[in-house]
Full PDB file with SEQRES, HELIX, SHEET, SSBOND, CRYST1, ORIGX, SCALE, CONECT and MASTER records, all heavy atoms in Angstrom:
SEQRES   1 A   42  PHE VAL ARG PHE THR CYS LYS ASP GLU ALA ALA ALA THR          
SEQRES   2 A   42  ALA PHE ASP GLU LEU VAL ALA ARG THR GLY GLU GLN ILE          
SEQRES   3 A   42  ARG ALA ASN GLU PRO GLY THR VAL ILE TYR ALA VAL HIS          
SEQRES   4 A   42  ARG VAL ASP                                                  
HELIX    1 AA1 GLU A    9  ASN A   29  1                                  21    
CRYST1    1.000    1.000    1.000  90.00  90.00  90.00 P 1           1          
ORIGX1      1.000000  0.000000  0.000000        0.00000                         
ORIGX2      0.000000  1.000000  0.000000        0.00000                         
ORIGX3      0.000000  0.000000  1.000000        0.00000                         
SCALE1      1.000000  0.000000  0.000000        0.00000                         
SCALE2      0.000000  1.000000  0.000000        0.00000                         
SCALE3      0.000000  0.000000  1.000000        0.00000                         
ATOM      1  N   PHE A   1     126.307 135.823  36.283  1.00  0.00           N  
ATOM      2  CA  PHE A   1     126.100 134.857  35.280  1.00  0.00           C  
ATOM      3  C   PHE A   1     127.579 134.862  34.540  1.00  0.00           C  
ATOM      4  O   PHE A   1     127.887 135.890  34.082  1.00  0.00           O  
ATOM      5  CB  PHE A   1     125.109 135.176  34.275  1.00  0.00           C  
ATOM      6  CG  PHE A   1     124.917 134.113  33.203  1.00  0.00           C  
ATOM      7  CD1 PHE A   1     124.248 132.957  33.491  1.00  0.00           C  
ATOM      8  CD2 PHE A   1     125.418 134.272  32.010  1.00  0.00           C  
ATOM      9  CE1 PHE A   1     124.071 131.960  32.488  1.00  0.00           C  
ATOM     10  CE2 PHE A   1     125.256 133.383  31.005  1.00  0.00           C  
ATOM     11  CZ  PHE A   1     124.645 132.121  31.252  1.00  0.00           C  
ATOM     12  N   VAL A   2     128.217 133.694  34.599  1.00  0.00           N  
ATOM     13  CA  VAL A   2     129.601 133.618  34.058  1.00  0.00           C  
ATOM     14  C   VAL A   2     129.690 132.575  33.034  1.00  0.00           C  
ATOM     15  O   VAL A   2     129.104 131.513  33.101  1.00  0.00           O  
ATOM     16  CB  VAL A   2     130.541 133.328  35.243  1.00  0.00           C  
ATOM     17  CG1 VAL A   2     131.973 133.405  34.727  1.00  0.00           C  
ATOM     18  CG2 VAL A   2     130.357 134.256  36.487  1.00  0.00           C  
ATOM     19  N   ARG A   3     130.217 132.924  31.932  1.00  0.00           N  
ATOM     20  CA  ARG A   3     130.503 132.001  30.830  1.00  0.00           C  
ATOM     21  C   ARG A   3     132.050 131.730  30.667  1.00  0.00           C  
ATOM     22  O   ARG A   3     132.811 132.703  30.620  1.00  0.00           O  
ATOM     23  CB  ARG A   3     130.059 132.510  29.425  1.00  0.00           C  
ATOM     24  CG  ARG A   3     128.473 132.550  29.405  1.00  0.00           C  
ATOM     25  CD  ARG A   3     127.985 133.426  28.324  1.00  0.00           C  
ATOM     26  NE  ARG A   3     128.328 134.792  28.370  1.00  0.00           N  
ATOM     27  CZ  ARG A   3     127.702 135.689  29.157  1.00  0.00           C  
ATOM     28  NH1 ARG A   3     126.775 135.404  29.917  1.00  0.00           N  
ATOM     29  NH2 ARG A   3     128.136 136.938  29.132  1.00  0.00           N  
ATOM     30  N   PHE A   4     132.401 130.511  30.782  1.00  0.00           N  
ATOM     31  CA  PHE A   4     133.816 130.040  30.534  1.00  0.00           C  
ATOM     32  C   PHE A   4     133.909 129.301  29.305  1.00  0.00           C  
ATOM     33  O   PHE A   4     133.087 128.383  29.125  1.00  0.00           O  
ATOM     34  CB  PHE A   4     134.285 129.264  31.848  1.00  0.00           C  
ATOM     35  CG  PHE A   4     134.309 129.941  33.078  1.00  0.00           C  
ATOM     36  CD1 PHE A   4     133.426 129.562  34.072  1.00  0.00           C  
ATOM     37  CD2 PHE A   4     135.221 130.915  33.282  1.00  0.00           C  
ATOM     38  CE1 PHE A   4     133.442 130.233  35.335  1.00  0.00           C  
ATOM     39  CE2 PHE A   4     135.196 131.650  34.511  1.00  0.00           C  
ATOM     40  CZ  PHE A   4     134.352 131.180  35.520  1.00  0.00           C  
ATOM     41  N   THR A   5     135.000 129.478  28.626  1.00  0.00           N  
ATOM     42  CA  THR A   5     135.331 128.612  27.511  1.00  0.00           C  
ATOM     43  C   THR A   5     136.704 127.901  27.797  1.00  0.00           C  
ATOM     44  O   THR A   5     137.685 128.628  28.088  1.00  0.00           O  
ATOM     45  CB  THR A   5     135.470 129.408  26.213  1.00  0.00           C  
ATOM     46  OG1 THR A   5     134.313 130.158  25.965  1.00  0.00           O  
ATOM     47  CG2 THR A   5     135.777 128.559  24.963  1.00  0.00           C  
ATOM     48  N   CYS A   6     136.722 126.630  27.806  1.00  0.00           N  
ATOM     49  CA  CYS A   6     137.928 125.837  28.073  1.00  0.00           C  
ATOM     50  C   CYS A   6     138.793 125.737  26.818  1.00  0.00           C  
ATOM     51  O   CYS A   6     138.373 125.869  25.681  1.00  0.00           O  
ATOM     52  CB  CYS A   6     137.497 124.471  28.589  1.00  0.00           C  
ATOM     53  SG  CYS A   6     136.558 124.453  30.067  1.00  0.00           S  
ATOM     54  N   LYS A   7     140.071 125.507  26.951  1.00  0.00           N  
ATOM     55  CA  LYS A   7     141.020 125.454  25.889  1.00  0.00           C  
ATOM     56  C   LYS A   7     140.807 124.265  24.999  1.00  0.00           C  
ATOM     57  O   LYS A   7     141.023 124.439  23.792  1.00  0.00           O  
ATOM     58  CB  LYS A   7     142.500 125.505  26.517  1.00  0.00           C  
ATOM     59  CG  LYS A   7     142.833 126.703  27.231  1.00  0.00           C  
ATOM     60  CD  LYS A   7     144.241 126.705  27.775  1.00  0.00           C  
ATOM     61  CE  LYS A   7     144.592 127.922  28.480  1.00  0.00           C  
ATOM     62  NZ  LYS A   7     145.942 127.887  29.098  1.00  0.00           N  
ATOM     63  N   ASP A   8     140.607 123.158  25.634  1.00  0.00           N  
ATOM     64  CA  ASP A   8     140.384 121.909  24.862  1.00  0.00           C  
ATOM     65  C   ASP A   8     139.629 120.888  25.741  1.00  0.00           C  
ATOM     66  O   ASP A   8     139.297 121.219  26.890  1.00  0.00           O  
ATOM     67  CB  ASP A   8     141.673 121.378  24.356  1.00  0.00           C  
ATOM     68  CG  ASP A   8     142.736 121.168  25.391  1.00  0.00           C  
ATOM     69  OD1 ASP A   8     142.308 120.817  26.545  1.00  0.00           O  
ATOM     70  OD2 ASP A   8     143.905 121.356  25.088  1.00  0.00           O  
ATOM     71  N   GLU A   9     139.411 119.721  25.135  1.00  0.00           N  
ATOM     72  CA  GLU A   9     138.620 118.712  25.943  1.00  0.00           C  
ATOM     73  C   GLU A   9     139.320 118.336  27.269  1.00  0.00           C  
ATOM     74  O   GLU A   9     138.673 118.083  28.376  1.00  0.00           O  
ATOM     75  CB  GLU A   9     138.345 117.499  25.154  1.00  0.00           C  
ATOM     76  CG  GLU A   9     137.280 117.775  24.084  1.00  0.00           C  
ATOM     77  CD  GLU A   9     137.017 116.538  23.205  1.00  0.00           C  
ATOM     78  OE1 GLU A   9     137.154 115.411  23.714  1.00  0.00           O  
ATOM     79  OE2 GLU A   9     136.529 116.683  22.065  1.00  0.00           O  
ATOM     80  N   ALA A  10     140.691 118.236  27.203  1.00  0.00           N  
ATOM     81  CA  ALA A  10     141.408 117.773  28.439  1.00  0.00           C  
ATOM     82  C   ALA A  10     141.222 118.864  29.529  1.00  0.00           C  
ATOM     83  O   ALA A  10     141.035 118.649  30.658  1.00  0.00           O  
ATOM     84  CB  ALA A  10     142.909 117.586  28.116  1.00  0.00           C  
ATOM     85  N   ALA A  11     141.285 120.121  29.006  1.00  0.00           N  
ATOM     86  CA  ALA A  11     141.130 121.305  30.011  1.00  0.00           C  
ATOM     87  C   ALA A  11     139.808 121.338  30.502  1.00  0.00           C  
ATOM     88  O   ALA A  11     139.607 121.627  31.618  1.00  0.00           O  
ATOM     89  CB  ALA A  11     141.448 122.596  29.253  1.00  0.00           C  
ATOM     90  N   ALA A  12     138.723 120.953  29.731  1.00  0.00           N  
ATOM     91  CA  ALA A  12     137.384 120.914  30.136  1.00  0.00           C  
ATOM     92  C   ALA A  12     137.188 119.920  31.277  1.00  0.00           C  
ATOM     93  O   ALA A  12     136.536 120.180  32.310  1.00  0.00           O  
ATOM     94  CB  ALA A  12     136.439 120.704  29.052  1.00  0.00           C  
ATOM     95  N   THR A  13     137.753 118.784  31.030  1.00  0.00           N  
ATOM     96  CA  THR A  13     137.686 117.694  32.139  1.00  0.00           C  
ATOM     97  C   THR A  13     138.302 118.153  33.390  1.00  0.00           C  
ATOM     98  O   THR A  13     137.695 117.997  34.494  1.00  0.00           O  
ATOM     99  CB  THR A  13     138.278 116.414  31.519  1.00  0.00           C  
ATOM    100  OG1 THR A  13     137.660 115.982  30.427  1.00  0.00           O  
ATOM    101  CG2 THR A  13     138.290 115.272  32.545  1.00  0.00           C  
ATOM    102  N   ALA A  14     139.465 118.697  33.269  1.00  0.00           N  
ATOM    103  CA  ALA A  14     140.184 119.187  34.456  1.00  0.00           C  
ATOM    104  C   ALA A  14     139.423 120.349  35.150  1.00  0.00           C  
ATOM    105  O   ALA A  14     139.263 120.376  36.444  1.00  0.00           O  
ATOM    106  CB  ALA A  14     141.615 119.610  34.164  1.00  0.00           C  
ATOM    107  N   PHE A  15     138.875 121.218  34.314  1.00  0.00           N  
ATOM    108  CA  PHE A  15     138.037 122.309  34.902  1.00  0.00           C  
ATOM    109  C   PHE A  15     136.882 121.811  35.666  1.00  0.00           C  
ATOM    110  O   PHE A  15     136.492 122.203  36.733  1.00  0.00           O  
ATOM    111  CB  PHE A  15     137.663 123.297  33.798  1.00  0.00           C  
ATOM    112  CG  PHE A  15     136.957 124.528  34.208  1.00  0.00           C  
ATOM    113  CD1 PHE A  15     137.425 125.469  34.949  1.00  0.00           C  
ATOM    114  CD2 PHE A  15     135.598 124.653  33.928  1.00  0.00           C  
ATOM    115  CE1 PHE A  15     136.736 126.575  35.378  1.00  0.00           C  
ATOM    116  CE2 PHE A  15     134.799 125.727  34.404  1.00  0.00           C  
ATOM    117  CZ  PHE A  15     135.379 126.744  35.139  1.00  0.00           C  
ATOM    118  N   ASP A  16     136.166 120.757  35.092  1.00  0.00           N  
ATOM    119  CA  ASP A  16     134.970 120.164  35.651  1.00  0.00           C  
ATOM    120  C   ASP A  16     135.375 119.623  37.074  1.00  0.00           C  
ATOM    121  O   ASP A  16     134.594 119.664  38.016  1.00  0.00           O  
ATOM    122  CB  ASP A  16     134.318 119.112  34.757  1.00  0.00           C  
ATOM    123  CG  ASP A  16     133.715 119.781  33.644  1.00  0.00           C  
ATOM    124  OD1 ASP A  16     133.410 120.984  33.602  1.00  0.00           O  
ATOM    125  OD2 ASP A  16     133.382 119.090  32.657  1.00  0.00           O  
ATOM    126  N   GLU A  17     136.553 118.932  37.135  1.00  0.00           N  
ATOM    127  CA  GLU A  17     136.925 118.306  38.429  1.00  0.00           C  
ATOM    128  C   GLU A  17     137.285 119.482  39.346  1.00  0.00           C  
ATOM    129  O   GLU A  17     136.928 119.369  40.548  1.00  0.00           O  
ATOM    130  CB  GLU A  17     138.243 117.564  38.113  1.00  0.00           C  
ATOM    131  CG  GLU A  17     137.940 116.261  37.370  1.00  0.00           C  
ATOM    132  CD  GLU A  17     139.171 115.587  36.987  1.00  0.00           C  
ATOM    133  OE1 GLU A  17     140.286 116.040  37.135  1.00  0.00           O  
ATOM    134  OE2 GLU A  17     139.000 114.550  36.204  1.00  0.00           O  
ATOM    135  N   LEU A  18     137.844 120.544  39.023  1.00  0.00           N  
ATOM    136  CA  LEU A  18     138.094 121.704  39.892  1.00  0.00           C  
ATOM    137  C   LEU A  18     136.780 122.304  40.405  1.00  0.00           C  
ATOM    138  O   LEU A  18     136.584 122.652  41.621  1.00  0.00           O  
ATOM    139  CB  LEU A  18     138.923 122.784  39.179  1.00  0.00           C  
ATOM    140  CG  LEU A  18     139.155 124.107  39.833  1.00  0.00           C  
ATOM    141  CD1 LEU A  18     139.814 123.928  41.134  1.00  0.00           C  
ATOM    142  CD2 LEU A  18     139.801 125.117  38.935  1.00  0.00           C  
ATOM    143  N   VAL A  19     135.802 122.425  39.413  1.00  0.00           N  
ATOM    144  CA  VAL A  19     134.527 123.041  39.864  1.00  0.00           C  
ATOM    145  C   VAL A  19     133.870 122.012  40.841  1.00  0.00           C  
ATOM    146  O   VAL A  19     133.248 122.585  41.837  1.00  0.00           O  
ATOM    147  CB  VAL A  19     133.635 123.112  38.495  1.00  0.00           C  
ATOM    148  CG1 VAL A  19     132.175 123.360  38.908  1.00  0.00           C  
ATOM    149  CG2 VAL A  19     134.225 124.229  37.755  1.00  0.00           C  
ATOM    150  N   ALA A  20     133.922 120.810  40.664  1.00  0.00           N  
ATOM    151  CA  ALA A  20     133.254 119.847  41.665  1.00  0.00           C  
ATOM    152  C   ALA A  20     133.847 119.962  43.078  1.00  0.00           C  
ATOM    153  O   ALA A  20     133.188 119.947  43.997  1.00  0.00           O  
ATOM    154  CB  ALA A  20     133.444 118.400  41.039  1.00  0.00           C  
ATOM    155  N   ARG A  21     135.160 119.966  43.092  1.00  0.00           N  
ATOM    156  CA  ARG A  21     135.857 120.177  44.376  1.00  0.00           C  
ATOM    157  C   ARG A  21     135.500 121.427  45.033  1.00  0.00           C  
ATOM    158  O   ARG A  21     135.209 121.379  46.314  1.00  0.00           O  
ATOM    159  CB  ARG A  21     137.400 120.138  44.247  1.00  0.00           C  
ATOM    160  CG  ARG A  21     137.988 118.694  43.876  1.00  0.00           C  
ATOM    161  CD  ARG A  21     139.452 118.671  43.995  1.00  0.00           C  
ATOM    162  NE  ARG A  21     140.227 119.742  43.389  1.00  0.00           N  
ATOM    163  CZ  ARG A  21     140.578 119.730  42.051  1.00  0.00           C  
ATOM    164  NH1 ARG A  21     140.355 118.698  41.333  1.00  0.00           N  
ATOM    165  NH2 ARG A  21     141.250 120.785  41.590  1.00  0.00           N  
ATOM    166  N   THR A  22     135.523 122.492  44.285  1.00  0.00           N  
ATOM    167  CA  THR A  22     135.126 123.726  44.835  1.00  0.00           C  
ATOM    168  C   THR A  22     133.737 123.817  45.253  1.00  0.00           C  
ATOM    169  O   THR A  22     133.345 124.331  46.329  1.00  0.00           O  
ATOM    170  CB  THR A  22     135.446 124.943  43.818  1.00  0.00           C  
ATOM    171  OG1 THR A  22     136.853 124.771  43.512  1.00  0.00           O  
ATOM    172  CG2 THR A  22     135.230 126.276  44.476  1.00  0.00           C  
ATOM    173  N   GLY A  23     132.830 123.223  44.492  1.00  0.00           N  
ATOM    174  CA  GLY A  23     131.425 123.176  44.801  1.00  0.00           C  
ATOM    175  C   GLY A  23     131.055 122.495  46.085  1.00  0.00           C  
ATOM    176  O   GLY A  23     130.225 122.913  46.857  1.00  0.00           O  
ATOM    177  N   GLU A  24     131.803 121.386  46.318  1.00  0.00           N  
ATOM    178  CA  GLU A  24     131.683 120.735  47.687  1.00  0.00           C  
ATOM    179  C   GLU A  24     131.873 121.737  48.785  1.00  0.00           C  
ATOM    180  O   GLU A  24     131.168 121.675  49.857  1.00  0.00           O  
ATOM    181  CB  GLU A  24     132.568 119.535  47.756  1.00  0.00           C  
ATOM    182  CG  GLU A  24     132.288 118.402  46.760  1.00  0.00           C  
ATOM    183  CD  GLU A  24     133.322 117.365  46.808  1.00  0.00           C  
ATOM    184  OE1 GLU A  24     134.221 117.353  47.680  1.00  0.00           O  
ATOM    185  OE2 GLU A  24     133.158 116.412  45.979  1.00  0.00           O  
ATOM    186  N   GLN A  25     132.927 122.484  48.781  1.00  0.00           N  
ATOM    187  CA  GLN A  25     133.281 123.415  49.766  1.00  0.00           C  
ATOM    188  C   GLN A  25     132.172 124.483  49.970  1.00  0.00           C  
ATOM    189  O   GLN A  25     131.898 124.994  51.011  1.00  0.00           O  
ATOM    190  CB  GLN A  25     134.669 123.970  49.557  1.00  0.00           C  
ATOM    191  CG  GLN A  25     135.819 123.014  49.630  1.00  0.00           C  
ATOM    192  CD  GLN A  25     135.904 122.527  51.019  1.00  0.00           C  
ATOM    193  OE1 GLN A  25     135.856 123.348  52.017  1.00  0.00           O  
ATOM    194  NE2 GLN A  25     136.113 121.220  51.255  1.00  0.00           N  
ATOM    195  N   ILE A  26     131.725 125.022  48.836  1.00  0.00           N  
ATOM    196  CA  ILE A  26     130.694 126.068  48.837  1.00  0.00           C  
ATOM    197  C   ILE A  26     129.461 125.586  49.518  1.00  0.00           C  
ATOM    198  O   ILE A  26     128.880 126.260  50.347  1.00  0.00           O  
ATOM    199  CB  ILE A  26     130.389 126.578  47.385  1.00  0.00           C  
ATOM    200  CG1 ILE A  26     131.673 127.283  46.818  1.00  0.00           C  
ATOM    201  CG2 ILE A  26     129.098 127.361  47.313  1.00  0.00           C  
ATOM    202  CD1 ILE A  26     131.602 127.622  45.369  1.00  0.00           C  
ATOM    203  N   ARG A  27     128.978 124.318  49.084  1.00  0.00           N  
ATOM    204  CA  ARG A  27     127.787 123.848  49.734  1.00  0.00           C  
ATOM    205  C   ARG A  27     127.989 123.667  51.231  1.00  0.00           C  
ATOM    206  O   ARG A  27     127.052 123.853  51.948  1.00  0.00           O  
ATOM    207  CB  ARG A  27     127.415 122.473  49.122  1.00  0.00           C  
ATOM    208  CG  ARG A  27     126.760 122.601  47.766  1.00  0.00           C  
ATOM    209  CD  ARG A  27     126.303 121.236  47.173  1.00  0.00           C  
ATOM    210  NE  ARG A  27     127.358 120.341  46.912  1.00  0.00           N  
ATOM    211  CZ  ARG A  27     128.124 120.233  45.829  1.00  0.00           C  
ATOM    212  NH1 ARG A  27     127.962 121.217  44.923  1.00  0.00           N  
ATOM    213  NH2 ARG A  27     129.113 119.331  45.762  1.00  0.00           N  
ATOM    214  N   ALA A  28     129.124 123.171  51.674  1.00  0.00           N  
ATOM    215  CA  ALA A  28     129.327 122.929  53.042  1.00  0.00           C  
ATOM    216  C   ALA A  28     129.585 124.162  53.964  1.00  0.00           C  
ATOM    217  O   ALA A  28     129.233 124.127  55.135  1.00  0.00           O  
ATOM    218  CB  ALA A  28     130.575 122.001  53.267  1.00  0.00           C  
ATOM    219  N   ASN A  29     130.005 125.302  53.388  1.00  0.00           N  
ATOM    220  CA  ASN A  29     130.532 126.441  54.189  1.00  0.00           C  
ATOM    221  C   ASN A  29     129.798 127.768  53.920  1.00  0.00           C  
ATOM    222  O   ASN A  29     130.311 128.732  54.462  1.00  0.00           O  
ATOM    223  CB  ASN A  29     131.995 126.537  53.934  1.00  0.00           C  
ATOM    224  CG  ASN A  29     132.823 125.291  54.393  1.00  0.00           C  
ATOM    225  OD1 ASN A  29     132.742 124.934  55.524  1.00  0.00           O  
ATOM    226  ND2 ASN A  29     133.435 124.627  53.468  1.00  0.00           N  
ATOM    227  N   GLU A  30     128.944 127.854  52.983  1.00  0.00           N  
ATOM    228  CA  GLU A  30     128.421 129.140  52.573  1.00  0.00           C  
ATOM    229  C   GLU A  30     126.906 129.183  52.663  1.00  0.00           C  
ATOM    230  O   GLU A  30     126.222 129.117  51.602  1.00  0.00           O  
ATOM    231  CB  GLU A  30     129.006 129.476  51.182  1.00  0.00           C  
ATOM    232  CG  GLU A  30     130.358 129.583  51.101  1.00  0.00           C  
ATOM    233  CD  GLU A  30     130.921 130.090  49.699  1.00  0.00           C  
ATOM    234  OE1 GLU A  30     130.091 130.758  48.990  1.00  0.00           O  
ATOM    235  OE2 GLU A  30     132.073 129.740  49.364  1.00  0.00           O  
ATOM    236  N   PRO A  31     126.445 129.466  53.841  1.00  0.00           N  
ATOM    237  CA  PRO A  31     124.882 129.597  53.913  1.00  0.00           C  
ATOM    238  C   PRO A  31     124.356 130.850  53.122  1.00  0.00           C  
ATOM    239  O   PRO A  31     123.197 130.877  52.743  1.00  0.00           O  
ATOM    240  CB  PRO A  31     124.604 129.712  55.374  1.00  0.00           C  
ATOM    241  CG  PRO A  31     125.885 130.228  55.990  1.00  0.00           C  
ATOM    242  CD  PRO A  31     127.011 129.650  55.060  1.00  0.00           C  
ATOM    243  N   GLY A  32     125.146 131.782  52.897  1.00  0.00           N  
ATOM    244  CA  GLY A  32     124.674 133.005  52.159  1.00  0.00           C  
ATOM    245  C   GLY A  32     124.721 132.786  50.592  1.00  0.00           C  
ATOM    246  O   GLY A  32     124.248 133.704  49.905  1.00  0.00           O  
ATOM    247  N   THR A  33     125.298 131.668  50.179  1.00  0.00           N  
ATOM    248  CA  THR A  33     125.267 131.347  48.753  1.00  0.00           C  
ATOM    249  C   THR A  33     123.918 130.599  48.512  1.00  0.00           C  
ATOM    250  O   THR A  33     123.871 129.408  48.939  1.00  0.00           O  
ATOM    251  CB  THR A  33     126.492 130.564  48.363  1.00  0.00           C  
ATOM    252  OG1 THR A  33     127.594 131.328  48.638  1.00  0.00           O  
ATOM    253  CG2 THR A  33     126.533 130.145  46.811  1.00  0.00           C  
ATOM    254  N   VAL A  34     123.068 131.135  47.881  1.00  0.00           N  
ATOM    255  CA  VAL A  34     121.753 130.536  47.672  1.00  0.00           C  
ATOM    256  C   VAL A  34     121.637 129.552  46.554  1.00  0.00           C  
ATOM    257  O   VAL A  34     121.202 128.456  46.679  1.00  0.00           O  
ATOM    258  CB  VAL A  34     120.612 131.695  47.425  1.00  0.00           C  
ATOM    259  CG1 VAL A  34     119.273 131.100  47.112  1.00  0.00           C  
ATOM    260  CG2 VAL A  34     120.661 132.718  48.513  1.00  0.00           C  
ATOM    261  N   ILE A  35     122.341 129.960  45.389  1.00  0.00           N  
ATOM    262  CA  ILE A  35     122.424 129.048  44.226  1.00  0.00           C  
ATOM    263  C   ILE A  35     123.899 129.232  43.666  1.00  0.00           C  
ATOM    264  O   ILE A  35     124.413 130.341  43.494  1.00  0.00           O  
ATOM    265  CB  ILE A  35     121.456 129.425  43.146  1.00  0.00           C  
ATOM    266  CG1 ILE A  35     119.994 129.178  43.648  1.00  0.00           C  
ATOM    267  CG2 ILE A  35     121.647 128.549  41.865  1.00  0.00           C  
ATOM    268  CD1 ILE A  35     118.912 129.791  42.673  1.00  0.00           C  
ATOM    269  N   TYR A  36     124.483 128.088  43.443  1.00  0.00           N  
ATOM    270  CA  TYR A  36     125.765 128.050  42.756  1.00  0.00           C  
ATOM    271  C   TYR A  36     125.628 126.826  41.782  1.00  0.00           C  
ATOM    272  O   TYR A  36     126.009 125.789  42.121  1.00  0.00           O  
ATOM    273  CB  TYR A  36     126.951 127.826  43.688  1.00  0.00           C  
ATOM    274  CG  TYR A  36     128.267 128.142  43.132  1.00  0.00           C  
ATOM    275  CD1 TYR A  36     128.860 129.389  43.119  1.00  0.00           C  
ATOM    276  CD2 TYR A  36     129.014 127.056  42.471  1.00  0.00           C  
ATOM    277  CE1 TYR A  36     130.017 129.535  42.529  1.00  0.00           C  
ATOM    278  CE2 TYR A  36     130.238 127.320  42.017  1.00  0.00           C  
ATOM    279  CZ  TYR A  36     130.690 128.675  42.069  1.00  0.00           C  
ATOM    280  OH  TYR A  36     132.070 128.884  41.579  1.00  0.00           O  
ATOM    281  N   ALA A  37     125.110 127.121  40.577  1.00  0.00           N  
ATOM    282  CA  ALA A  37     124.882 126.077  39.634  1.00  0.00           C  
ATOM    283  C   ALA A  37     125.837 126.191  38.391  1.00  0.00           C  
ATOM    284  O   ALA A  37     126.081 127.365  37.894  1.00  0.00           O  
ATOM    285  CB  ALA A  37     123.390 126.149  39.164  1.00  0.00           C  
ATOM    286  N   VAL A  38     126.253 125.093  37.912  1.00  0.00           N  
ATOM    287  CA  VAL A  38     127.247 125.060  36.709  1.00  0.00           C  
ATOM    288  C   VAL A  38     126.610 124.149  35.758  1.00  0.00           C  
ATOM    289  O   VAL A  38     126.075 123.088  36.012  1.00  0.00           O  
ATOM    290  CB  VAL A  38     128.586 124.432  37.256  1.00  0.00           C  
ATOM    291  CG1 VAL A  38     129.505 124.472  36.039  1.00  0.00           C  
ATOM    292  CG2 VAL A  38     129.155 125.243  38.368  1.00  0.00           C  
ATOM    293  N   HIS A  39     126.646 124.618  34.500  1.00  0.00           N  
ATOM    294  CA  HIS A  39     125.988 123.968  33.429  1.00  0.00           C  
ATOM    295  C   HIS A  39     127.003 123.729  32.219  1.00  0.00           C  
ATOM    296  O   HIS A  39     127.716 124.643  31.986  1.00  0.00           O  
ATOM    297  CB  HIS A  39     124.833 124.703  32.834  1.00  0.00           C  
ATOM    298  CG  HIS A  39     123.864 125.046  33.878  1.00  0.00           C  
ATOM    299  ND1 HIS A  39     122.715 124.174  34.128  1.00  0.00           N  
ATOM    300  CD2 HIS A  39     123.710 126.122  34.765  1.00  0.00           C  
ATOM    301  CE1 HIS A  39     121.999 124.751  35.105  1.00  0.00           C  
ATOM    302  NE2 HIS A  39     122.625 125.882  35.461  1.00  0.00           N  
ATOM    303  N   ARG A  40     126.850 122.544  31.560  1.00  0.00           N  
ATOM    304  CA  ARG A  40     127.493 122.446  30.283  1.00  0.00           C  
ATOM    305  C   ARG A  40     126.589 123.172  29.258  1.00  0.00           C  
ATOM    306  O   ARG A  40     125.396 123.045  29.478  1.00  0.00           O  
ATOM    307  CB  ARG A  40     127.753 121.029  29.879  1.00  0.00           C  
ATOM    308  CG  ARG A  40     128.831 120.399  30.712  1.00  0.00           C  
ATOM    309  CD  ARG A  40     129.081 118.915  30.166  1.00  0.00           C  
ATOM    310  NE  ARG A  40     130.082 118.285  30.902  1.00  0.00           N  
ATOM    311  CZ  ARG A  40     129.897 117.520  32.063  1.00  0.00           C  
ATOM    312  NH1 ARG A  40     128.717 117.285  32.397  1.00  0.00           N  
ATOM    313  NH2 ARG A  40     130.868 117.007  32.695  1.00  0.00           N  
ATOM    314  N   VAL A  41     127.084 123.736  28.208  1.00  0.00           N  
ATOM    315  CA  VAL A  41     126.282 124.350  27.205  1.00  0.00           C  
ATOM    316  C   VAL A  41     126.069 123.459  26.061  1.00  0.00           C  
ATOM    317  O   VAL A  41     127.039 122.930  25.338  1.00  0.00           O  
ATOM    318  CB  VAL A  41     126.927 125.673  26.754  1.00  0.00           C  
ATOM    319  CG1 VAL A  41     126.130 126.419  25.684  1.00  0.00           C  
ATOM    320  CG2 VAL A  41     127.211 126.648  27.911  1.00  0.00           C  
ATOM    321  N   ASP A  42     124.801 123.120  25.802  1.00  0.00           N  
ATOM    322  CA  ASP A  42     124.408 122.140  24.763  1.00  0.00           C  
ATOM    323  C   ASP A  42     125.009 122.637  23.423  1.00  0.00           C  
ATOM    324  O   ASP A  42     124.821 123.829  22.950  1.00  0.00           O  
ATOM    325  CB  ASP A  42     122.917 122.155  24.702  1.00  0.00           C  
ATOM    326  CG  ASP A  42     122.408 120.983  23.724  1.00  0.00           C  
ATOM    327  OD1 ASP A  42     123.073 120.000  23.595  1.00  0.00           O  
ATOM    328  OD2 ASP A  42     121.310 121.194  23.035  1.00  0.00           O  
TER     329      ASP A  42                                                      
MASTER        0    0    0    1    0    0    0    6  328    1    0    4          
END                                                                             
């Protein structure tokens, strides 16, 4: 369980884009990764 705090809104947007790109690769290439879920914190 990992908590990240972004520097500012622009950084949060860029981080979300990085997460999306990486997540595509994880889904396509990692059968041993059962869950890889990312959430914004309300």
